[in-house]
N, C-alpha and C. Protein backbone atom coordinates (compact mmCIF):
# COMPACT_ATOMS: atom_id res chain seq x y z
N UNK A 1 0.84 -1.19 0.00
CA UNK A 1 -0.01 -0.03 0.00
C UNK A 1 0.93 1.24 -0.02
N UNK A 2 0.50 2.23 -0.75
CA UNK A 2 1.24 3.40 -0.88
C UNK A 2 0.95 4.25 0.30
N UNK A 3 1.93 4.98 0.79
CA UNK A 3 1.80 5.79 1.94
C UNK A 3 0.90 6.98 1.70
N UNK A 4 0.78 7.40 0.54
CA UNK A 4 -0.18 8.55 0.19
C UNK A 4 -1.60 8.10 0.32
N UNK A 5 -1.85 6.86 -0.04
CA UNK A 5 -3.21 6.33 0.02
C UNK A 5 -3.58 6.18 1.60
N UNK A 6 -2.62 5.70 2.30
CA UNK A 6 -2.82 5.47 3.76
C UNK A 6 -3.16 6.78 4.43
N UNK A 7 -2.48 7.91 4.14
CA UNK A 7 -2.74 9.14 4.74
C UNK A 7 -4.05 9.80 4.24
N UNK A 8 -4.43 9.51 3.01
CA UNK A 8 -5.71 9.93 2.46
C UNK A 8 -6.86 9.19 3.20
N UNK A 9 -6.65 7.90 3.46
CA UNK A 9 -7.69 7.09 4.27
C UNK A 9 -7.80 7.74 5.66
N UNK A 10 -6.71 8.00 6.29
CA UNK A 10 -6.81 8.58 7.66
C UNK A 10 -7.42 9.98 7.62
N UNK A 11 -7.05 10.80 6.70
CA UNK A 11 -7.69 12.19 6.60
C UNK A 11 -9.18 12.00 6.26
N UNK A 12 -9.47 11.12 5.33
CA UNK A 12 -10.98 10.86 5.01
C UNK A 12 -11.74 10.44 6.24
N UNK A 13 -11.16 9.55 7.04
CA UNK A 13 -11.84 8.97 8.26
C UNK A 13 -11.99 10.14 9.27
N UNK A 14 -10.98 11.02 9.41
CA UNK A 14 -11.13 12.05 10.37
C UNK A 14 -12.14 13.09 9.89
N UNK A 15 -12.18 13.40 8.63
CA UNK A 15 -13.16 14.29 8.16
C UNK A 15 -14.56 13.75 8.33
N UNK A 16 -14.75 12.44 8.05
CA UNK A 16 -16.06 11.75 8.31
C UNK A 16 -16.49 11.93 9.72
N UNK A 17 -15.51 11.69 10.67
CA UNK A 17 -15.91 11.81 12.08
C UNK A 17 -16.20 13.29 12.46
N UNK A 18 -15.41 14.19 11.89
CA UNK A 18 -15.70 15.56 12.12
C UNK A 18 -17.06 16.07 11.65
N UNK A 19 -17.50 15.58 10.47
CA UNK A 19 -18.80 15.97 9.80
C UNK A 19 -19.94 15.21 10.45
N UNK A 20 -19.82 13.93 10.59
CA UNK A 20 -20.92 13.08 10.96
C UNK A 20 -21.20 13.07 12.47
N UNK A 21 -20.22 13.24 13.32
CA UNK A 21 -20.54 13.17 14.80
C UNK A 21 -20.51 14.60 15.40
N UNK A 22 -21.59 14.82 16.19
CA UNK A 22 -21.64 16.11 16.93
C UNK A 22 -21.14 15.91 18.38
N UNK A 23 -20.54 16.88 18.95
CA UNK A 23 -20.02 16.73 20.33
C UNK A 23 -21.18 16.72 21.32
N UNK A 24 -20.92 16.16 22.45
CA UNK A 24 -21.93 16.06 23.52
C UNK A 24 -22.17 17.40 24.09
N UNK A 25 -23.53 17.73 24.24
CA UNK A 25 -23.92 19.03 24.68
C UNK A 25 -24.00 18.97 26.24
N UNK A 26 -22.99 19.52 26.87
CA UNK A 26 -22.91 19.45 28.35
C UNK A 26 -23.58 20.70 28.91
N UNK A 27 -24.64 20.59 29.71
CA UNK A 27 -25.25 21.73 30.21
C UNK A 27 -24.75 21.97 31.66
N UNK A 28 -24.48 23.19 31.95
CA UNK A 28 -24.02 23.51 33.29
C UNK A 28 -25.25 23.65 34.24
N UNK A 29 -25.05 22.99 35.43
CA UNK A 29 -26.05 23.05 36.46
C UNK A 29 -25.65 23.95 37.54
N UNK A 30 -26.64 24.50 38.19
CA UNK A 30 -26.33 25.38 39.37
C UNK A 30 -25.76 24.53 40.49
N UNK A 31 -24.79 25.07 41.15
CA UNK A 31 -24.08 24.39 42.25
C UNK A 31 -25.21 24.17 43.35
N UNK A 32 -25.44 22.91 43.70
CA UNK A 32 -26.44 22.68 44.74
C UNK A 32 -25.58 22.09 45.90
N UNK A 33 -25.86 22.68 47.12
CA UNK A 33 -25.15 22.27 48.26
C UNK A 33 -25.50 20.85 48.62
N UNK A 34 -24.48 20.06 48.90
CA UNK A 34 -24.70 18.63 49.25
C UNK A 34 -24.42 18.50 50.71
N UNK A 35 -25.32 17.81 51.49
CA UNK A 35 -25.05 17.64 52.91
C UNK A 35 -23.89 16.73 53.20
N UNK A 36 -23.16 17.07 54.24
CA UNK A 36 -22.00 16.29 54.67
C UNK A 36 -22.48 14.91 55.25
N UNK A 37 -23.57 14.97 55.96
CA UNK A 37 -24.14 13.82 56.64
C UNK A 37 -25.63 13.70 56.58
N UNK A 38 -26.20 12.65 56.30
CA UNK A 38 -27.65 12.48 56.25
C UNK A 38 -28.07 11.38 57.23
N UNK A 39 -28.99 11.75 58.15
CA UNK A 39 -29.43 10.78 59.14
C UNK A 39 -30.94 10.49 59.01
N UNK A 40 -31.38 9.28 59.35
CA UNK A 40 -32.83 9.01 59.35
C UNK A 40 -33.05 8.31 60.71
N UNK A 41 -34.27 8.74 61.29
CA UNK A 41 -34.69 8.15 62.58
C UNK A 41 -33.54 8.20 63.60
N UNK A 42 -33.14 9.42 63.96
CA UNK A 42 -31.90 9.58 64.78
C UNK A 42 -32.21 10.24 66.11
N UNK A 43 -31.25 10.13 67.05
CA UNK A 43 -31.36 10.79 68.35
C UNK A 43 -29.91 11.25 68.69
N UNK A 44 -29.69 12.51 68.86
CA UNK A 44 -28.46 13.10 69.28
C UNK A 44 -28.54 13.47 70.72
N UNK A 45 -27.59 13.04 71.52
CA UNK A 45 -27.51 13.35 72.96
C UNK A 45 -26.33 14.14 73.30
N UNK A 46 -26.51 15.24 74.03
CA UNK A 46 -25.40 16.06 74.46
C UNK A 46 -25.20 15.96 75.94
N UNK A 47 -23.94 15.63 76.36
CA UNK A 47 -23.63 15.42 77.74
C UNK A 47 -22.61 16.60 78.11
N UNK A 48 -22.70 16.98 79.39
CA UNK A 48 -21.66 17.85 79.93
C UNK A 48 -21.17 17.30 81.29
N UNK A 49 -20.41 17.99 82.07
CA UNK A 49 -19.90 17.41 83.30
C UNK A 49 -20.94 17.15 84.36
N UNK A 50 -22.14 17.75 84.21
CA UNK A 50 -23.24 17.49 85.21
C UNK A 50 -24.11 16.38 84.77
N UNK A 51 -23.96 15.91 83.52
CA UNK A 51 -24.80 14.86 82.98
C UNK A 51 -25.44 15.17 81.68
N UNK A 52 -26.68 14.67 81.46
CA UNK A 52 -27.38 14.93 80.20
C UNK A 52 -27.88 16.38 80.14
N UNK A 53 -27.45 17.10 79.10
CA UNK A 53 -27.86 18.48 78.91
C UNK A 53 -29.02 18.64 77.90
N UNK A 54 -28.98 17.87 76.85
CA UNK A 54 -30.06 18.03 75.84
C UNK A 54 -30.07 16.81 74.92
N UNK A 55 -31.24 16.56 74.28
CA UNK A 55 -31.40 15.53 73.32
C UNK A 55 -32.17 16.12 72.12
N UNK A 56 -31.85 15.70 70.91
CA UNK A 56 -32.52 16.11 69.73
C UNK A 56 -32.84 14.86 68.90
N UNK A 57 -34.13 14.74 68.55
CA UNK A 57 -34.59 13.58 67.80
C UNK A 57 -35.25 14.13 66.51
N UNK A 58 -35.26 13.28 65.45
CA UNK A 58 -35.94 13.68 64.21
C UNK A 58 -36.06 12.46 63.29
N UNK A 59 -36.96 12.70 62.31
CA UNK A 59 -37.07 11.57 61.35
C UNK A 59 -36.01 11.62 60.22
N UNK A 60 -35.60 12.82 59.86
CA UNK A 60 -34.47 12.99 58.96
C UNK A 60 -33.65 14.21 59.47
N UNK A 61 -32.34 14.11 59.25
CA UNK A 61 -31.47 15.22 59.60
C UNK A 61 -30.36 15.37 58.50
N UNK A 62 -30.19 16.55 58.09
CA UNK A 62 -29.12 16.81 57.13
C UNK A 62 -28.09 17.78 57.79
N UNK A 63 -26.86 17.39 57.76
CA UNK A 63 -25.82 18.26 58.39
C UNK A 63 -24.96 18.88 57.19
N UNK A 64 -24.94 20.14 57.21
CA UNK A 64 -24.11 20.93 56.27
C UNK A 64 -22.90 21.39 57.09
N UNK A 65 -22.05 22.15 56.42
CA UNK A 65 -20.87 22.61 57.07
C UNK A 65 -21.11 23.58 58.21
N UNK A 66 -22.16 24.35 58.19
CA UNK A 66 -22.50 25.27 59.17
C UNK A 66 -23.84 25.15 59.90
N UNK A 67 -24.60 24.13 59.55
CA UNK A 67 -25.99 24.01 60.12
C UNK A 67 -26.47 22.60 59.94
N UNK A 68 -27.60 22.36 60.76
CA UNK A 68 -28.37 21.11 60.66
C UNK A 68 -29.75 21.41 60.17
N UNK A 69 -30.39 20.69 59.40
CA UNK A 69 -31.82 20.78 59.05
C UNK A 69 -32.51 19.46 59.40
N UNK A 70 -33.55 19.63 60.29
CA UNK A 70 -34.13 18.43 60.87
C UNK A 70 -35.67 18.44 60.59
N UNK A 71 -36.22 17.34 60.21
CA UNK A 71 -37.62 17.23 60.11
C UNK A 71 -38.21 16.42 61.20
N UNK A 72 -39.44 16.75 61.69
CA UNK A 72 -40.06 16.17 62.85
C UNK A 72 -39.16 16.32 64.08
N UNK A 73 -38.76 17.52 64.34
CA UNK A 73 -37.83 17.87 65.45
C UNK A 73 -38.47 17.70 66.78
N UNK A 74 -37.71 17.02 67.73
CA UNK A 74 -38.11 16.90 69.08
C UNK A 74 -36.88 17.19 69.95
N UNK A 75 -36.87 18.41 70.51
CA UNK A 75 -35.61 18.90 71.22
C UNK A 75 -36.00 19.06 72.79
N UNK A 76 -35.15 18.43 73.64
CA UNK A 76 -35.32 18.53 75.05
C UNK A 76 -34.09 19.18 75.62
N UNK A 77 -34.37 20.17 76.45
CA UNK A 77 -33.31 20.92 77.11
C UNK A 77 -33.37 20.64 78.62
N UNK A 78 -32.21 20.13 79.17
CA UNK A 78 -32.16 19.78 80.65
C UNK A 78 -31.15 20.64 81.29
N UNK A 79 -30.87 21.80 80.87
CA UNK A 79 -29.83 22.64 81.52
C UNK A 79 -30.28 23.58 82.58
N UNK A 80 -31.64 23.86 82.65
CA UNK A 80 -32.13 24.78 83.62
C UNK A 80 -32.87 24.04 84.69
N UNK A 81 -33.56 24.77 85.64
CA UNK A 81 -34.33 24.22 86.70
C UNK A 81 -35.41 23.26 86.27
N UNK A 82 -36.14 23.78 85.18
CA UNK A 82 -37.26 22.92 84.68
C UNK A 82 -36.84 22.34 83.28
N UNK A 83 -37.24 21.13 83.05
CA UNK A 83 -37.00 20.46 81.76
C UNK A 83 -37.92 21.09 80.73
N UNK A 84 -37.35 21.47 79.59
CA UNK A 84 -38.16 22.09 78.56
C UNK A 84 -38.05 21.26 77.30
N UNK A 85 -39.21 21.14 76.57
CA UNK A 85 -39.25 20.35 75.33
C UNK A 85 -39.87 21.19 74.26
N UNK A 86 -39.36 21.10 73.01
CA UNK A 86 -39.89 21.78 71.86
C UNK A 86 -40.06 20.73 70.75
N UNK A 87 -41.17 20.75 70.11
CA UNK A 87 -41.48 19.95 68.93
C UNK A 87 -41.98 20.82 67.73
N UNK A 88 -41.58 20.41 66.56
CA UNK A 88 -41.95 21.11 65.34
C UNK A 88 -41.88 20.22 64.13
N UNK A 89 -42.53 20.65 62.97
CA UNK A 89 -42.40 19.84 61.75
C UNK A 89 -40.99 19.86 61.28
N UNK A 90 -40.30 21.02 61.32
CA UNK A 90 -38.95 21.05 60.89
C UNK A 90 -38.16 22.17 61.69
N UNK A 91 -36.88 22.01 61.65
CA UNK A 91 -36.09 23.04 62.35
C UNK A 91 -34.69 23.17 61.74
N UNK A 92 -34.16 24.34 61.78
CA UNK A 92 -32.82 24.65 61.27
C UNK A 92 -31.92 25.07 62.53
N UNK A 93 -30.92 24.28 62.77
CA UNK A 93 -30.05 24.55 63.90
C UNK A 93 -28.70 25.07 63.44
N UNK A 94 -28.45 26.34 63.84
CA UNK A 94 -27.24 27.00 63.42
C UNK A 94 -26.79 27.96 64.52
N UNK A 95 -25.50 27.83 64.90
CA UNK A 95 -24.83 28.76 65.87
C UNK A 95 -25.70 28.81 67.19
N UNK A 96 -26.07 27.69 67.73
CA UNK A 96 -26.84 27.57 68.96
C UNK A 96 -28.19 28.23 68.89
N UNK A 97 -28.73 28.44 67.73
CA UNK A 97 -30.06 28.97 67.50
C UNK A 97 -30.84 27.95 66.65
N UNK A 98 -32.04 27.62 67.13
CA UNK A 98 -32.92 26.68 66.38
C UNK A 98 -34.12 27.44 65.88
N UNK A 99 -34.24 27.56 64.61
CA UNK A 99 -35.47 28.19 63.99
C UNK A 99 -36.39 27.03 63.69
N UNK A 100 -37.69 27.21 64.22
CA UNK A 100 -38.69 26.13 64.15
C UNK A 100 -39.83 26.56 63.30
N UNK A 101 -40.31 25.63 62.46
CA UNK A 101 -41.41 25.94 61.54
C UNK A 101 -42.46 24.86 61.64
N UNK A 102 -43.73 25.16 61.71
CA UNK A 102 -44.84 24.28 61.53
C UNK A 102 -45.22 23.56 62.80
N UNK A 103 -46.37 23.84 63.34
CA UNK A 103 -46.91 23.20 64.54
C UNK A 103 -45.93 23.10 65.71
N UNK A 104 -45.34 24.25 66.04
CA UNK A 104 -44.44 24.35 67.13
C UNK A 104 -45.10 24.21 68.42
N UNK A 105 -44.60 23.38 69.39
CA UNK A 105 -45.16 23.20 70.71
C UNK A 105 -44.03 23.28 71.74
N UNK A 106 -43.99 24.24 72.56
CA UNK A 106 -43.08 24.42 73.64
C UNK A 106 -43.75 24.01 74.99
N UNK A 107 -43.11 23.08 75.71
CA UNK A 107 -43.72 22.58 76.88
C UNK A 107 -42.63 22.57 77.94
N UNK A 108 -42.94 23.09 79.12
CA UNK A 108 -41.99 23.13 80.24
C UNK A 108 -42.59 22.15 81.34
N UNK A 109 -41.70 21.57 82.08
CA UNK A 109 -42.03 20.56 83.12
C UNK A 109 -43.04 21.07 84.13
N UNK A 110 -43.07 22.35 84.40
CA UNK A 110 -43.99 22.90 85.44
C UNK A 110 -45.42 23.11 84.84
N UNK A 111 -45.59 22.83 83.58
CA UNK A 111 -46.92 22.95 82.98
C UNK A 111 -47.08 24.06 82.00
N UNK A 112 -46.14 24.97 81.90
CA UNK A 112 -46.25 26.08 80.96
C UNK A 112 -46.05 25.52 79.53
N UNK A 113 -47.05 25.82 78.67
CA UNK A 113 -47.09 25.36 77.26
C UNK A 113 -47.51 26.49 76.34
N UNK A 114 -46.87 26.60 75.19
CA UNK A 114 -47.46 27.47 74.13
C UNK A 114 -47.29 26.81 72.80
N UNK A 115 -48.26 27.16 71.88
CA UNK A 115 -48.23 26.63 70.57
C UNK A 115 -48.24 27.76 69.57
N UNK A 116 -47.55 27.57 68.50
CA UNK A 116 -47.40 28.57 67.42
C UNK A 116 -47.00 27.93 66.11
N UNK A 117 -46.80 28.66 65.02
CA UNK A 117 -46.36 28.14 63.78
C UNK A 117 -44.89 28.41 63.49
N UNK A 118 -44.35 29.47 64.04
CA UNK A 118 -42.95 29.81 63.89
C UNK A 118 -42.29 30.21 65.21
N UNK A 119 -41.17 29.69 65.52
CA UNK A 119 -40.50 30.07 66.77
C UNK A 119 -39.00 30.04 66.58
N UNK A 120 -38.28 30.65 67.54
CA UNK A 120 -36.86 30.63 67.59
C UNK A 120 -36.39 30.37 69.00
N UNK A 121 -35.45 29.38 69.11
CA UNK A 121 -34.88 29.10 70.41
C UNK A 121 -33.45 29.30 70.45
N UNK A 122 -32.98 30.08 71.37
CA UNK A 122 -31.51 30.42 71.55
C UNK A 122 -31.02 29.64 72.68
N UNK A 123 -30.13 28.63 72.47
CA UNK A 123 -29.57 27.83 73.52
C UNK A 123 -28.70 28.55 74.48
N UNK A 124 -27.94 29.56 74.03
CA UNK A 124 -27.07 30.33 74.88
C UNK A 124 -27.79 31.17 75.95
N UNK A 125 -28.87 31.84 75.46
CA UNK A 125 -29.56 32.70 76.37
C UNK A 125 -30.84 32.03 77.01
N UNK A 126 -31.14 30.81 76.48
CA UNK A 126 -32.31 29.97 76.92
C UNK A 126 -33.61 30.72 76.76
N UNK A 127 -33.74 31.50 75.63
CA UNK A 127 -34.97 32.23 75.32
C UNK A 127 -35.55 31.65 74.13
N UNK A 128 -36.92 31.45 74.24
CA UNK A 128 -37.65 30.96 73.12
C UNK A 128 -38.67 32.07 72.73
N UNK A 129 -38.79 32.33 71.43
CA UNK A 129 -39.69 33.35 70.89
C UNK A 129 -40.66 32.77 69.87
N UNK A 130 -41.95 33.08 70.02
CA UNK A 130 -42.92 32.77 69.01
C UNK A 130 -42.99 34.01 68.09
N UNK A 131 -42.72 33.68 66.82
CA UNK A 131 -42.64 34.81 65.86
C UNK A 131 -44.01 35.09 65.19
N UNK A 132 -44.96 34.24 65.45
CA UNK A 132 -46.36 34.39 64.91
C UNK A 132 -47.36 34.25 66.06
N UNK A 133 -48.62 34.35 65.75
CA UNK A 133 -49.65 34.22 66.82
C UNK A 133 -49.47 32.94 67.67
N UNK A 134 -49.76 33.03 68.91
CA UNK A 134 -49.58 31.85 69.73
C UNK A 134 -50.73 31.65 70.81
N UNK A 135 -50.79 30.56 71.32
CA UNK A 135 -51.79 30.21 72.40
C UNK A 135 -50.91 29.55 73.52
N UNK A 136 -51.08 30.08 74.73
CA UNK A 136 -50.37 29.42 75.83
C UNK A 136 -51.33 28.99 76.93
N UNK A 137 -50.79 27.97 77.65
CA UNK A 137 -51.59 27.37 78.73
C UNK A 137 -50.71 27.15 79.96
N UNK A 138 -51.33 27.32 81.17
CA UNK A 138 -50.65 26.90 82.41
C UNK A 138 -51.76 26.90 83.55
N UNK A 139 -51.85 25.81 84.23
CA UNK A 139 -52.73 25.66 85.33
C UNK A 139 -54.19 26.08 85.02
N UNK A 140 -54.71 25.62 83.89
CA UNK A 140 -56.07 25.90 83.50
C UNK A 140 -56.26 27.35 82.94
N UNK A 141 -55.23 28.16 82.90
CA UNK A 141 -55.29 29.47 82.28
C UNK A 141 -54.85 29.47 80.90
N UNK A 142 -55.47 30.43 80.09
CA UNK A 142 -55.14 30.43 78.66
C UNK A 142 -54.85 31.85 78.28
N UNK A 143 -53.90 32.03 77.33
CA UNK A 143 -53.58 33.36 76.82
C UNK A 143 -53.28 33.18 75.30
N UNK A 144 -53.68 34.20 74.55
CA UNK A 144 -53.32 34.31 73.14
C UNK A 144 -52.67 35.64 72.85
N UNK A 145 -51.85 35.68 71.85
CA UNK A 145 -51.21 37.01 71.54
C UNK A 145 -50.56 36.93 70.17
N UNK A 146 -49.97 38.05 69.79
CA UNK A 146 -49.36 38.15 68.50
C UNK A 146 -47.91 37.66 68.55
N UNK A 147 -47.23 37.77 69.72
CA UNK A 147 -45.91 37.17 69.88
C UNK A 147 -45.62 37.04 71.33
N UNK A 148 -44.65 36.08 71.58
CA UNK A 148 -44.28 35.86 72.96
C UNK A 148 -42.74 35.54 73.02
N UNK A 149 -42.13 36.03 74.09
CA UNK A 149 -40.71 35.75 74.36
C UNK A 149 -40.64 35.22 75.79
N UNK A 150 -40.16 33.97 75.85
CA UNK A 150 -40.06 33.35 77.17
C UNK A 150 -38.63 32.95 77.53
N UNK A 151 -38.17 33.48 78.75
CA UNK A 151 -36.84 33.15 79.19
C UNK A 151 -36.94 32.00 80.22
N UNK A 152 -36.46 30.85 79.79
CA UNK A 152 -36.57 29.67 80.67
C UNK A 152 -35.71 29.76 81.86
N UNK A 153 -34.58 30.42 81.75
CA UNK A 153 -33.61 30.54 82.91
C UNK A 153 -34.21 31.40 84.00
N UNK A 154 -34.83 32.53 83.64
CA UNK A 154 -35.39 33.44 84.57
C UNK A 154 -36.89 33.26 84.81
N UNK A 155 -37.57 32.54 83.99
CA UNK A 155 -39.00 32.35 84.06
C UNK A 155 -39.79 33.55 83.71
N UNK A 156 -39.26 34.50 82.94
CA UNK A 156 -39.94 35.73 82.49
C UNK A 156 -40.60 35.58 81.20
N UNK A 157 -41.77 36.16 81.01
CA UNK A 157 -42.51 36.08 79.75
C UNK A 157 -42.83 37.46 79.29
N UNK A 158 -42.58 37.79 78.01
CA UNK A 158 -42.97 39.03 77.38
C UNK A 158 -43.91 38.73 76.18
N UNK A 159 -44.96 39.49 76.12
CA UNK A 159 -45.97 39.15 75.02
C UNK A 159 -46.52 40.42 74.51
N UNK A 160 -47.14 40.37 73.33
CA UNK A 160 -47.85 41.55 72.72
C UNK A 160 -49.23 41.11 72.35
N UNK A 161 -50.17 42.13 72.44
CA UNK A 161 -51.56 41.98 72.05
C UNK A 161 -52.20 40.68 72.71
N UNK A 162 -52.22 40.74 74.03
CA UNK A 162 -52.62 39.56 74.82
C UNK A 162 -54.13 39.58 75.07
N UNK A 163 -54.69 38.44 74.96
CA UNK A 163 -56.10 38.20 75.44
C UNK A 163 -55.96 37.03 76.42
N UNK A 164 -56.27 37.20 77.69
CA UNK A 164 -55.98 36.18 78.62
C UNK A 164 -57.34 35.75 79.36
N UNK A 165 -57.37 34.46 79.62
CA UNK A 165 -58.46 33.91 80.34
C UNK A 165 -57.83 33.28 81.66
N UNK A 166 -57.95 34.00 82.75
CA UNK A 166 -57.23 33.66 84.01
C UNK A 166 -58.32 33.32 85.08
N UNK A 167 -58.17 32.14 85.66
CA UNK A 167 -59.08 31.67 86.66
C UNK A 167 -58.45 32.03 88.07
N UNK A 168 -59.27 32.75 88.86
CA UNK A 168 -58.93 33.13 90.17
C UNK A 168 -59.20 32.00 91.07
N UNK A 169 -58.35 31.84 92.09
CA UNK A 169 -58.50 30.82 93.11
C UNK A 169 -59.42 31.29 94.22
N UNK A 170 -60.29 30.40 94.65
CA UNK A 170 -61.16 30.73 95.77
C UNK A 170 -60.48 30.50 97.10
N UNK A 171 -60.89 31.26 98.10
CA UNK A 171 -60.30 31.13 99.42
C UNK A 171 -61.10 30.21 100.27
């Protein structure tokens, strides 16, 4: 075989590939953040030198570099005089602050309870805030308002636009 024919065949083959085949169309996708850790049906327990300080349970948990996202959140805090429990449909835990969304219920061991749709709990200050309308209960008493801030460490409650139903004790 002549070398000229050989190179013509190679050039013809390369031209056929160049004309007949189209390159793959690669589409760019937006960068989607991927969780570092994914948990299902989990329970996280936090211990300190005095013993159990808190537990967090959920049906799913996603850990990113700077935050946790939890569905069906059940958080219990045992650091103060009274045990406090918070439940919600989902929560975002970042920098010792838990943002709660959907059917939020805060319940304290002495009977104080409030329900709302959005709340924020700060672990450092031990303050929970209802960011939307709420209903609270304690010892048969009931109150509603547009917002509430409750300090679990001091037992202080601040609220706005309150309507209260308070039962007086008989002597």
